[in-house]
């Protein structure tokens, strides 16, 4: 594990320390958790962007969807 230096303004540091104490973790653990969460969010946003671009390049064919609906085996209610 690497050690880094991060500069935080006083208000952010105070809020970080308060939350770390509330969660019974140290500051480093809280910052690691926050960074993992942020990276996961950014990755999810990137996947959504890629999916959106794929649909723009090859949109759904509604006619094909309707053909599948006609042959689908839907359960009787």
PDB file of N, CA and C in Angstrom:
ATOM      1  N   UNK A   1       0.848  -1.164   0.000  1.00  0.00           N
ATOM      2  CA  UNK A   1       0.000   0.000   0.000  1.00  0.00           C
ATOM      3  C   UNK A   1       0.897   1.230   0.000  1.00  0.00           C
ATOM      4  N   UNK A   2       0.549   2.202  -0.828  1.00  0.00           N
ATOM      5  CA  UNK A   2       1.339   3.423  -0.942  1.00  0.00           C
ATOM      6  C   UNK A   2       0.818   4.499   0.008  1.00  0.00           C
ATOM      7  N   UNK A   3       1.698   5.360   0.399  1.00  0.00           N
ATOM      8  CA  UNK A   3       1.332   6.515   1.209  1.00  0.00           C
ATOM      9  C   UNK A   3       1.391   7.740   0.314  1.00  0.00           C
ATOM     10  N   UNK A   4       0.317   8.539   0.365  1.00  0.00           N
ATOM     11  CA  UNK A   4       0.259   9.753  -0.449  1.00  0.00           C
ATOM     12  C   UNK A   4      -0.051  10.934   0.454  1.00  0.00           C
ATOM     13  N   UNK A   5       0.116  12.113  -0.085  1.00  0.00           N
ATOM     14  CA  UNK A   5      -0.229  13.321   0.641  1.00  0.00           C
ATOM     15  C   UNK A   5      -1.369  13.994  -0.104  1.00  0.00           C
ATOM     16  N   UNK A   6      -2.419  14.346   0.623  1.00  0.00           N
ATOM     17  CA  UNK A   6      -3.579  14.995   0.031  1.00  0.00           C
ATOM     18  C   UNK A   6      -3.845  16.279   0.799  1.00  0.00           C
ATOM     19  N   UNK A   7      -4.088  17.354   0.087  1.00  0.00           N
ATOM     20  CA  UNK A   7      -4.374  18.632   0.724  1.00  0.00           C
ATOM     21  C   UNK A   7      -5.888  18.826   0.767  1.00  0.00           C
ATOM     22  N   UNK A   8      -6.429  19.063   1.969  1.00  0.00           N
ATOM     23  CA  UNK A   8      -7.859  19.307   2.161  1.00  0.00           C
ATOM     24  C   UNK A   8      -8.039  20.657   2.847  1.00  0.00           C
ATOM     25  N   UNK A   9      -9.088  21.359   2.471  1.00  0.00           N
ATOM     26  CA  UNK A   9      -9.358  22.595   3.209  1.00  0.00           C
ATOM     27  C   UNK A   9      -9.862  22.237   4.605  1.00  0.00           C
ATOM     28  N   UNK A  10      -9.817  23.199   5.495  1.00  0.00           N
ATOM     29  CA  UNK A  10     -10.131  22.933   6.903  1.00  0.00           C
ATOM     30  C   UNK A  10     -11.534  22.377   7.102  1.00  0.00           C
ATOM     31  N   UNK A  11     -12.505  22.917   6.388  1.00  0.00           N
ATOM     32  CA  UNK A  11     -13.892  22.462   6.559  1.00  0.00           C
ATOM     33  C   UNK A  11     -14.054  21.016   6.110  1.00  0.00           C
ATOM     34  N   UNK A  12     -13.442  20.661   4.984  1.00  0.00           N
ATOM     35  CA  UNK A  12     -13.542  19.285   4.485  1.00  0.00           C
ATOM     36  C   UNK A  12     -12.835  18.319   5.433  1.00  0.00           C
ATOM     37  N   UNK A  13     -11.694  18.729   5.945  1.00  0.00           N
ATOM     38  CA  UNK A  13     -10.966  17.883   6.893  1.00  0.00           C
ATOM     39  C   UNK A  13     -11.784  17.668   8.162  1.00  0.00           C
ATOM     40  N   UNK A  14     -12.420  18.714   8.641  1.00  0.00           N
ATOM     41  CA  UNK A  14     -13.235  18.591   9.852  1.00  0.00           C
ATOM     42  C   UNK A  14     -14.408  17.638   9.628  1.00  0.00           C
ATOM     43  N   UNK A  15     -15.086  17.785   8.495  1.00  0.00           N
ATOM     44  CA  UNK A  15     -16.208  16.891   8.181  1.00  0.00           C
ATOM     45  C   UNK A  15     -15.730  15.452   8.011  1.00  0.00           C
ATOM     46  N   UNK A  16     -14.567  15.285   7.412  1.00  0.00           N
ATOM     47  CA  UNK A  16     -13.992  13.951   7.221  1.00  0.00           C
ATOM     48  C   UNK A  16     -13.698  13.300   8.565  1.00  0.00           C
ATOM     49  N   UNK A  17     -13.072  14.048   9.439  1.00  0.00           N
ATOM     50  CA  UNK A  17     -12.742  13.508  10.757  1.00  0.00           C
ATOM     51  C   UNK A  17     -13.998  13.186  11.567  1.00  0.00           C
ATOM     52  N   UNK A  18     -15.018  14.029  11.458  1.00  0.00           N
ATOM     53  CA  UNK A  18     -16.274  13.768  12.172  1.00  0.00           C
ATOM     54  C   UNK A  18     -16.915  12.470  11.689  1.00  0.00           C
ATOM     55  N   UNK A  19     -16.947  12.284  10.376  1.00  0.00           N
ATOM     56  CA  UNK A  19     -17.554  11.079   9.830  1.00  0.00           C
ATOM     57  C   UNK A  19     -16.725   9.843  10.155  1.00  0.00           C
ATOM     58  N   UNK A  20     -15.426   9.977  10.082  1.00  0.00           N
ATOM     59  CA  UNK A  20     -14.552   8.842  10.426  1.00  0.00           C
ATOM     60  C   UNK A  20     -14.794   8.417  11.866  1.00  0.00           C
ATOM     61  N   UNK A  21     -14.905   9.386  12.757  1.00  0.00           N
ATOM     62  CA  UNK A  21     -15.153   9.052  14.168  1.00  0.00           C
ATOM     63  C   UNK A  21     -16.530   8.404  14.320  1.00  0.00           C
ATOM     64  N   UNK A  22     -17.515   8.942  13.630  1.00  0.00           N
ATOM     65  CA  UNK A  22     -18.876   8.397  13.704  1.00  0.00           C
ATOM     66  C   UNK A  22     -18.919   6.948  13.220  1.00  0.00           C
ATOM     67  N   UNK A  23     -18.142   6.641  12.178  1.00  0.00           N
ATOM     68  CA  UNK A  23     -18.111   5.287  11.616  1.00  0.00           C
ATOM     69  C   UNK A  23     -17.070   4.391  12.271  1.00  0.00           C
ATOM     70  N   UNK A  24     -16.365   4.926  13.208  1.00  0.00           N
ATOM     71  CA  UNK A  24     -15.318   4.176  13.929  1.00  0.00           C
ATOM     72  C   UNK A  24     -14.233   3.634  12.999  1.00  0.00           C
ATOM     73  N   UNK A  25     -13.813   4.481  12.066  1.00  0.00           N
ATOM     74  CA  UNK A  25     -12.691   4.144  11.178  1.00  0.00           C
ATOM     75  C   UNK A  25     -11.713   5.311  11.220  1.00  0.00           C
ATOM     76  N   UNK A  26     -10.503   5.060  10.760  1.00  0.00           N
ATOM     77  CA  UNK A  26      -9.561   6.175  10.717  1.00  0.00           C
ATOM     78  C   UNK A  26      -9.766   6.974   9.427  1.00  0.00           C
ATOM     79  N   UNK A  27      -9.145   8.116   9.384  1.00  0.00           N
ATOM     80  CA  UNK A  27      -9.297   9.033   8.247  1.00  0.00           C
ATOM     81  C   UNK A  27      -8.912   8.355   6.935  1.00  0.00           C
ATOM     82  N   UNK A  28      -7.808   7.635   6.935  1.00  0.00           N
ATOM     83  CA  UNK A  28      -7.343   6.975   5.705  1.00  0.00           C
ATOM     84  C   UNK A  28      -8.357   5.962   5.193  1.00  0.00           C
ATOM     85  N   UNK A  29      -8.926   5.173   6.097  1.00  0.00           N
ATOM     86  CA  UNK A  29      -9.922   4.178   5.693  1.00  0.00           C
ATOM     87  C   UNK A  29     -11.145   4.851   5.092  1.00  0.00           C
ATOM     88  N   UNK A  30     -11.569   5.951   5.696  1.00  0.00           N
ATOM     89  CA  UNK A  30     -12.725   6.675   5.171  1.00  0.00           C
ATOM     90  C   UNK A  30     -12.444   7.230   3.775  1.00  0.00           C
ATOM     91  N   UNK A  31     -11.268   7.804   3.593  1.00  0.00           N
ATOM     92  CA  UNK A  31     -10.908   8.367   2.286  1.00  0.00           C
ATOM     93  C   UNK A  31     -10.782   7.261   1.243  1.00  0.00           C
ATOM     94  N   UNK A  32     -10.220   6.109   1.617  1.00  0.00           N
ATOM     95  CA  UNK A  32     -10.152   4.974   0.671  1.00  0.00           C
ATOM     96  C   UNK A  32     -11.543   4.528   0.258  1.00  0.00           C
ATOM     97  N   UNK A  33     -12.440   4.420   1.238  1.00  0.00           N
ATOM     98  CA  UNK A  33     -13.819   4.017   0.948  1.00  0.00           C
ATOM     99  C   UNK A  33     -14.495   5.024   0.008  1.00  0.00           C
ATOM    100  N   UNK A  34     -14.300   6.301   0.286  1.00  0.00           N
ATOM    101  CA  UNK A  34     -14.904   7.348  -0.547  1.00  0.00           C
ATOM    102  C   UNK A  34     -14.339   7.306  -1.969  1.00  0.00           C
ATOM    103  N   UNK A  35     -13.049   7.094  -2.092  1.00  0.00           N
ATOM    104  CA  UNK A  35     -12.428   7.041  -3.411  1.00  0.00           C
ATOM    105  C   UNK A  35     -12.884   5.817  -4.191  1.00  0.00           C
ATOM    106  N   UNK A  36     -12.978   4.665  -3.511  1.00  0.00           N
ATOM    107  CA  UNK A  36     -13.501   3.465  -4.189  1.00  0.00           C
ATOM    108  C   UNK A  36     -14.920   3.709  -4.699  1.00  0.00           C
ATOM    109  N   UNK A  37     -15.736   4.318  -3.865  1.00  0.00           N
ATOM    110  CA  UNK A  37     -17.110   4.603  -4.239  1.00  0.00           C
ATOM    111  C   UNK A  37     -17.164   5.550  -5.439  1.00  0.00           C
ATOM    112  N   UNK A  38     -16.327   6.569  -5.413  1.00  0.00           N
ATOM    113  CA  UNK A  38     -16.290   7.522  -6.524  1.00  0.00           C
ATOM    114  C   UNK A  38     -15.825   6.850  -7.816  1.00  0.00           C
ATOM    115  N   UNK A  39     -14.788   6.035  -7.726  1.00  0.00           N
ATOM    116  CA  UNK A  39     -14.281   5.348  -8.918  1.00  0.00           C
ATOM    117  C   UNK A  39     -15.325   4.388  -9.484  1.00  0.00           C
ATOM    118  N   UNK A  40     -16.063   3.720  -8.613  1.00  0.00           N
ATOM    119  CA  UNK A  40     -17.140   2.832  -9.053  1.00  0.00           C
ATOM    120  C   UNK A  40     -18.223   3.632  -9.784  1.00  0.00           C
ATOM    121  N   UNK A  41     -18.571   4.788  -9.231  1.00  0.00           N
ATOM    122  CA  UNK A  41     -19.576   5.659  -9.850  1.00  0.00           C
ATOM    123  C   UNK A  41     -19.112   6.130 -11.226  1.00  0.00           C
ATOM    124  N   UNK A  42     -17.860   6.552 -11.323  1.00  0.00           N
ATOM    125  CA  UNK A  42     -17.315   7.016 -12.602  1.00  0.00           C
ATOM    126  C   UNK A  42     -17.309   5.878 -13.621  1.00  0.00           C
ATOM    127  N   UNK A  43     -16.948   4.678 -13.199  1.00  0.00           N
ATOM    128  CA  UNK A  43     -16.942   3.513 -14.101  1.00  0.00           C
ATOM    129  C   UNK A  43     -18.346   3.211 -14.601  1.00  0.00           C
ATOM    130  N   UNK A  44     -19.338   3.264 -13.696  1.00  0.00           N
ATOM    131  CA  UNK A  44     -20.717   3.020 -14.071  1.00  0.00           C
ATOM    132  C   UNK A  44     -21.192   4.071 -15.079  1.00  0.00           C
ATOM    133  N   UNK A  45     -20.834   5.337 -14.843  1.00  0.00           N
ATOM    134  CA  UNK A  45     -21.207   6.403 -15.777  1.00  0.00           C
ATOM    135  C   UNK A  45     -20.576   6.176 -17.149  1.00  0.00           C
ATOM    136  N   UNK A  46     -19.338   5.702 -17.170  1.00  0.00           N
ATOM    137  CA  UNK A  46     -18.662   5.414 -18.436  1.00  0.00           C
ATOM    138  C   UNK A  46     -19.354   4.267 -19.172  1.00  0.00           C
ATOM    139  N   UNK A  47     -19.751   3.228 -18.450  1.00  0.00           N
ATOM    140  CA  UNK A  47     -20.476   2.121 -19.080  1.00  0.00           C
ATOM    141  C   UNK A  47     -21.817   2.584 -19.630  1.00  0.00           C
ATOM    142  N   UNK A  48     -22.506   3.449 -18.892  1.00  0.00           N
ATOM    143  CA  UNK A  48     -23.772   3.998 -19.386  1.00  0.00           C
ATOM    144  C   UNK A  48     -23.553   4.818 -20.652  1.00  0.00           C
ATOM    145  N   UNK A  49     -22.461   5.602 -20.670  1.00  0.00           N
ATOM    146  CA  UNK A  49     -22.144   6.408 -21.854  1.00  0.00           C
ATOM    147  C   UNK A  49     -21.864   5.516 -23.054  1.00  0.00           C
ATOM    148  N   UNK A  50     -21.099   4.439 -22.835  1.00  0.00           N
ATOM    149  CA  UNK A  50     -20.796   3.511 -23.925  1.00  0.00           C
ATOM    150  C   UNK A  50     -22.071   2.839 -24.434  1.00  0.00           C
ATOM    151  N   UNK A  51     -22.957   2.461 -23.520  1.00  0.00           N
ATOM    152  CA  UNK A  51     -24.215   1.836 -23.918  1.00  0.00           C
ATOM    153  C   UNK A  51     -25.061   2.807 -24.729  1.00  0.00           C
ATOM    154  N   UNK A  52     -25.110   4.041 -24.290  1.00  0.00           N
ATOM    155  CA  UNK A  52     -25.879   5.061 -25.001  1.00  0.00           C
ATOM    156  C   UNK A  52     -25.328   5.269 -26.415  1.00  0.00           C
ATOM    157  N   UNK A  53     -24.018   5.328 -26.529  1.00  0.00           N
ATOM    158  CA  UNK A  53     -23.394   5.482 -27.850  1.00  0.00           C
ATOM    159  C   UNK A  53     -23.696   4.283 -28.750  1.00  0.00           C
ATOM    160  N   UNK A  54     -23.680   3.092 -28.169  1.00  0.00           N
ATOM    161  CA  UNK A  54     -23.973   1.888 -28.955  1.00  0.00           C
ATOM    162  C   UNK A  54     -25.401   1.943 -29.496  1.00  0.00           C
ATOM    163  N   UNK A  55     -26.346   2.376 -28.665  1.00  0.00           N
ATOM    164  CA  UNK A  55     -27.729   2.476 -29.131  1.00  0.00           C
ATOM    165  C   UNK A  55     -27.895   3.575 -30.178  1.00  0.00           C
ATOM    166  N   UNK A  56     -27.100   4.649 -30.061  1.00  0.00           N
ATOM    167  CA  UNK A  56     -27.147   5.693 -31.082  1.00  0.00           C
ATOM    168  C   UNK A  56     -26.633   5.162 -32.415  1.00  0.00           C
ATOM    169  N   UNK A  57     -25.594   4.331 -32.367  1.00  0.00           N
ATOM    170  CA  UNK A  57     -25.008   3.789 -33.592  1.00  0.00           C
ATOM    171  C   UNK A  57     -25.877   2.697 -34.199  1.00  0.00           C
ATOM    172  N   UNK A  58     -26.580   1.952 -33.355  1.00  0.00           N
ATOM    173  CA  UNK A  58     -27.443   0.887 -33.841  1.00  0.00           C
ATOM    174  C   UNK A  58     -28.712   0.859 -32.983  1.00  0.00           C
ATOM    175  N   UNK A  59     -29.667   1.744 -33.315  1.00  0.00           N
ATOM    176  CA  UNK A  59     -30.891   1.826 -32.494  1.00  0.00           C
ATOM    177  C   UNK A  59     -31.710   0.544 -32.572  1.00  0.00           C
ATOM    178  N   UNK A  60     -32.566   0.376 -31.579  1.00  0.00           N
ATOM    179  CA  UNK A  60     -33.474  -0.770 -31.577  1.00  0.00           C
ATOM    180  C   UNK A  60     -34.360  -0.730 -32.821  1.00  0.00           C
ATOM    181  N   UNK A  61     -34.621  -1.889 -33.372  1.00  0.00           N
ATOM    182  CA  UNK A  61     -35.507  -2.020 -34.523  1.00  0.00           C
ATOM    183  C   UNK A  61     -36.891  -2.384 -33.984  1.00  0.00           C
ATOM    184  N   UNK A  62     -37.789  -1.407 -33.945  1.00  0.00           N
ATOM    185  CA  UNK A  62     -39.115  -1.648 -33.387  1.00  0.00           C
ATOM    186  C   UNK A  62     -39.894  -2.695 -34.171  1.00  0.00           C
ATOM    187  N   UNK A  63     -39.689  -2.751 -35.472  1.00  0.00           N
ATOM    188  CA  UNK A  63     -40.385  -3.759 -36.277  1.00  0.00           C
ATOM    189  C   UNK A  63     -39.960  -5.162 -35.836  1.00  0.00           C
ATOM    190  N   UNK A  64     -38.683  -5.350 -35.569  1.00  0.00           N
ATOM    191  CA  UNK A  64     -38.213  -6.654 -35.112  1.00  0.00           C
ATOM    192  C   UNK A  64     -38.792  -6.978 -33.736  1.00  0.00           C
ATOM    193  N   UNK A  65     -38.871  -5.998 -32.874  1.00  0.00           N
ATOM    194  CA  UNK A  65     -39.440  -6.210 -31.544  1.00  0.00           C
ATOM    195  C   UNK A  65     -40.899  -6.641 -31.647  1.00  0.00           C
ATOM    196  N   UNK A  66     -41.634  -6.012 -32.560  1.00  0.00           N
ATOM    197  CA  UNK A  66     -43.043  -6.381 -32.747  1.00  0.00           C
ATOM    198  C   UNK A  66     -43.174  -7.810 -33.293  1.00  0.00           C
ATOM    199  N   UNK A  67     -42.260  -8.200 -34.171  1.00  0.00           N
ATOM    200  CA  UNK A  67     -42.303  -9.573 -34.691  1.00  0.00           C
ATOM    201  C   UNK A  67     -42.089 -10.572 -33.555  1.00  0.00           C
ATOM    202  N   UNK A  68     -41.166 -10.292 -32.654  1.00  0.00           N
ATOM    203  CA  UNK A  68     -40.918 -11.191 -31.526  1.00  0.00           C
ATOM    204  C   UNK A  68     -42.112 -11.232 -30.581  1.00  0.00           C
ATOM    205  N   UNK A  69     -42.792 -10.110 -30.408  1.00  0.00           N
ATOM    206  CA  UNK A  69     -43.973 -10.098 -29.539  1.00  0.00           C
ATOM    207  C   UNK A  69     -45.064 -11.018 -30.073  1.00  0.00           C
ATOM    208  N   UNK A  70     -45.199 -11.082 -31.381  1.00  0.00           N
ATOM    209  CA  UNK A  70     -46.244 -11.927 -31.975  1.00  0.00           C
ATOM    210  C   UNK A  70     -45.970 -13.409 -31.756  1.00  0.00           C
ATOM    211  N   UNK A  71     -44.707 -13.802 -31.679  1.00  0.00           N
ATOM    212  CA  UNK A  71     -44.391 -15.226 -31.544  1.00  0.00           C
ATOM    213  C   UNK A  71     -44.029 -15.604 -30.104  1.00  0.00           C
ATOM    214  N   UNK A  72     -44.004 -14.651 -29.223  1.00  0.00           N
ATOM    215  CA  UNK A  72     -43.631 -14.942 -27.838  1.00  0.00           C
ATOM    216  C   UNK A  72     -44.700 -15.805 -27.172  1.00  0.00           C
ATOM    217  N   UNK A  73     -44.266 -16.666 -26.299  1.00  0.00           N
ATOM    218  CA  UNK A  73     -45.171 -17.538 -25.569  1.00  0.00           C
ATOM    219  C   UNK A  73     -45.463 -16.898 -24.214  1.00  0.00           C
ATOM    220  N   UNK A  74     -46.494 -16.053 -24.192  1.00  0.00           N
ATOM    221  CA  UNK A  74     -46.857 -15.353 -22.978  1.00  0.00           C
ATOM    222  C   UNK A  74     -47.771 -16.224 -22.138  1.00  0.00           C
ATOM    223  N   UNK A  75     -47.547 -16.292 -20.814  1.00  0.00           N
ATOM    224  CA  UNK A  75     -48.408 -17.106 -19.967  1.00  0.00           C
ATOM    225  C   UNK A  75     -49.826 -16.525 -19.892  1.00  0.00           C
ATOM    226  N   UNK A  76     -50.805 -17.406 -19.790  1.00  0.00           N
ATOM    227  CA  UNK A  76     -52.186 -16.957 -19.646  1.00  0.00           C
ATOM    228  C   UNK A  76     -52.386 -16.507 -18.188  1.00  0.00           C
ATOM    229  N   UNK A  77     -53.149 -15.468 -18.018  1.00  0.00           N
ATOM    230  CA  UNK A  77     -53.437 -14.983 -16.661  1.00  0.00           C
ATOM    231  C   UNK A  77     -54.541 -15.769 -16.024  1.00  0.00           C
TER     232      UNK A  77
END
